[in-house]
Protein backbone atom coordinates (compact mmCIF):
# COMPACT_ATOMS: atom_id res chain seq x y z
CA MET A 1 24.72 21.08 -20.95
CA ALA A 2 24.71 24.91 -22.06
CA MET A 3 25.81 23.82 -25.63
CA VAL A 4 22.92 21.64 -26.13
CA GLY A 5 20.59 24.44 -24.97
CA TYR A 6 22.07 26.65 -27.50
CA VAL A 7 21.70 24.24 -30.22
CA LEU A 8 17.94 23.41 -29.46
CA LYS A 9 17.67 27.06 -29.22
CA ARG A 10 19.04 27.41 -32.67
CA VAL A 11 16.81 24.64 -34.01
CA LEU A 12 13.56 26.34 -32.76
CA MET A 13 14.51 29.44 -34.07
CA VAL A 14 15.17 27.85 -37.53
CA LEU A 15 11.72 26.12 -37.45
CA ALA A 16 9.91 29.40 -36.10
CA GLY A 17 11.71 31.53 -38.99
CA TYR A 18 10.88 29.05 -41.79
CA LEU A 19 7.19 29.16 -40.61
CA VAL A 20 6.92 32.66 -40.30
CA ALA A 21 8.77 33.12 -43.55
CA VAL A 22 6.35 30.87 -45.53
CA LEU A 23 3.30 32.85 -44.06
CA VAL A 24 4.90 36.32 -44.93
CA GLY A 25 5.72 35.00 -48.50
CA LEU A 26 2.30 34.07 -49.21
CA VAL A 27 0.86 37.37 -48.08
CA ALA A 28 3.38 38.88 -50.16
CA LEU A 29 2.40 36.69 -53.03
CA VAL A 30 -1.01 37.78 -52.66
CA ALA A 31 -0.02 41.46 -52.40
CA ILE A 32 2.10 41.48 -55.64
CA TYR A 33 -0.87 39.58 -57.39
CA VAL A 34 -3.32 42.29 -56.15
CA VAL A 35 -1.00 45.10 -57.21
CA LEU A 36 -0.16 43.68 -60.40
CA SER A 37 -3.74 43.02 -61.52
CA SER A 38 -4.68 46.80 -60.73
CA LEU A 39 -2.22 48.28 -63.29
CA PRO A 40 -3.62 49.57 -66.55
CA ASN A 41 -3.10 47.31 -69.66
CA ALA A 42 -2.74 44.36 -67.33
CA PRO A 43 -3.20 41.07 -68.97
CA SER A 44 -6.80 39.52 -68.62
CA TYR A 45 -5.12 36.95 -66.92
CA PHE A 46 -4.51 39.13 -64.06
CA GLU A 47 -8.40 39.85 -63.61
CA LEU A 48 -8.83 36.26 -62.15
CA MET A 49 -5.60 36.34 -60.09
CA GLN A 50 -6.80 39.57 -58.50
CA PHE A 51 -9.56 37.49 -56.59
CA THR A 52 -8.05 34.20 -56.28
CA PRO A 53 -5.13 34.85 -54.08
CA VAL A 54 -7.34 36.93 -51.78
CA ALA A 55 -9.51 33.78 -51.48
CA VAL A 56 -6.75 32.02 -50.25
CA LEU A 57 -6.23 34.70 -47.27
CA VAL A 58 -10.30 34.96 -46.71
CA VAL A 59 -11.23 31.10 -46.70
CA PRO A 60 -9.31 29.75 -43.67
CA PRO A 61 -9.07 25.86 -45.10
CA LEU A 62 -7.87 26.92 -48.26
CA GLY A 63 -5.26 29.06 -46.92
CA MET A 64 -4.23 26.24 -44.62
CA PHE A 65 -3.95 24.01 -47.58
CA VAL A 66 -1.87 26.38 -49.63
CA TYR A 67 0.38 27.08 -46.40
CA PHE A 68 1.05 23.38 -45.95
CA LEU A 69 1.42 22.91 -49.76
CA THR A 70 4.06 25.63 -49.55
CA ILE A 71 5.77 23.70 -46.77
CA VAL A 72 5.84 20.60 -48.83
CA VAL A 73 7.28 21.75 -51.90
CA THR A 74 9.76 23.98 -50.29
CA GLY A 75 10.75 22.41 -47.11
CA MET A 76 13.89 19.95 -48.18
CA GLN A 77 15.70 22.74 -49.97
CA THR A 78 15.32 25.03 -47.29
CA LEU A 79 16.21 22.38 -44.50
CA VAL A 80 19.35 21.83 -46.71
CA PHE A 81 20.21 25.61 -46.67
CA ALA A 82 19.28 26.04 -43.16
CA LEU A 83 21.72 23.41 -42.06
CA ILE A 84 24.52 24.75 -44.34
CA ALA A 85 24.07 28.31 -42.80
CA GLU A 86 23.82 26.98 -39.30
CA PHE A 87 27.17 24.84 -39.77
CA PHE A 88 29.05 27.52 -41.58
CA SER A 89 27.28 30.29 -39.67
CA LEU A 90 26.49 32.22 -42.97
CA ARG A 91 24.71 35.42 -41.80
CA SER A 92 24.63 37.27 -45.09
CA PHE A 93 21.57 39.39 -45.87
CA TRP A 94 21.75 38.93 -49.64
CA LEU A 95 22.63 34.94 -49.08
CA HIS A 96 19.43 34.43 -47.15
CA VAL A 97 17.09 36.45 -49.55
CA LEU A 98 18.64 34.98 -52.73
CA PHE A 99 17.93 31.75 -51.04
CA GLY A 100 14.23 32.53 -50.40
CA GLY A 101 13.85 33.18 -54.09
CA VAL A 102 15.64 30.13 -55.07
CA ALA A 103 13.36 27.97 -52.82
CA ALA A 104 10.21 29.47 -54.12
CA ALA A 105 11.34 28.81 -57.79
CA ALA A 106 12.34 25.52 -57.11
CA GLY A 107 8.96 24.64 -55.41
CA PHE A 108 7.12 26.26 -58.32
CA MET A 109 9.17 24.13 -60.79
CA LEU A 110 7.99 21.02 -58.44
CA LEU A 111 4.46 21.99 -58.91
CA TRP A 112 4.91 22.82 -62.72
CA PRO A 113 7.89 21.48 -64.12
CA ASP A 114 7.06 22.50 -67.68
CA ALA A 115 7.02 26.40 -66.57
CA PRO A 116 10.44 27.42 -68.44
CA ASP A 117 8.96 26.21 -71.76
CA ASP A 118 5.68 27.85 -71.23
CA PRO A 119 5.99 31.75 -71.54
CA GLU A 120 2.42 32.23 -69.81
CA ARG A 121 4.06 30.86 -66.53
CA TRP A 122 6.99 33.27 -66.84
CA ALA A 123 5.02 36.11 -64.86
CA ASP A 124 4.03 33.66 -62.36
CA LEU A 125 7.65 32.65 -61.49
CA GLY A 126 8.76 35.81 -60.97
CA ILE A 127 5.98 37.01 -58.74
CA ILE A 128 6.69 33.67 -56.92
CA VAL A 129 10.43 34.42 -56.82
CA ALA A 130 9.68 37.83 -55.56
CA ALA A 131 7.41 36.63 -52.90
CA GLY A 132 10.12 34.14 -52.12
CA LEU A 133 12.74 37.17 -51.66
CA VAL A 134 10.17 38.80 -49.43
CA ALA A 135 10.21 35.26 -47.01
CA GLY A 136 13.89 34.99 -47.36
CA PHE A 137 14.39 38.50 -45.73
CA VAL A 138 11.82 37.39 -43.34
CA TYR A 139 13.65 34.38 -42.34
CA TRP A 140 16.91 36.40 -42.13
CA LEU A 141 15.18 38.94 -39.37
CA ILE A 142 14.23 35.91 -37.25
CA ALA A 143 16.84 33.07 -37.70
CA GLY A 144 19.63 34.43 -40.24
CA ARG A 145 21.25 37.04 -38.46
CA ASP A 146 22.59 34.93 -35.71
CA ALA A 147 22.74 31.79 -37.81
CA GLY A 148 25.68 29.49 -36.46
CA PHE A 149 25.50 26.34 -33.78
CA ARG A 150 28.93 28.03 -32.39
CA ARG A 151 27.89 30.81 -30.03
CA PRO A 152 29.77 34.06 -30.21
CA LEU A 153 32.96 34.43 -27.74
CA ILE A 154 31.41 37.05 -25.94
CA GLU A 155 28.01 34.73 -25.05
CA ARG A 156 30.37 32.01 -24.02
CA LEU A 157 32.59 34.38 -21.47
CA GLY A 158 29.65 35.76 -19.92
């Protein structure tokens, strides 16, 4: 019965880690766009992006829409990775951070499949991948450090 409790705890940690990581990743995305748009000689495209992401944080319905859209486009690949990480007890910091960037890029590709062919979207892709790296780090902090359905030996003995 204790094993069922431990597995349930891990499932809840994965879910909480993912939801918090998506939120922090979106905040990181806004911060990156604001910082890049304030740089000298920034492309004129970034002038618009200086205000649009901030609107996502300031207008709650718009923010919730973007949050849930992000969950929809990144949920499946994140679920697959989380199950693999838990099953094989993959706890590597770099692995989780890298996967955060890959999941963000995959979600971006679902929304804009022609992005690799459009050089104007490369900057957006890079910014979204950077925000995904931050999200992967947050996920690792919450759930990835202790990944694995098998409890450590010390916990089983205690």
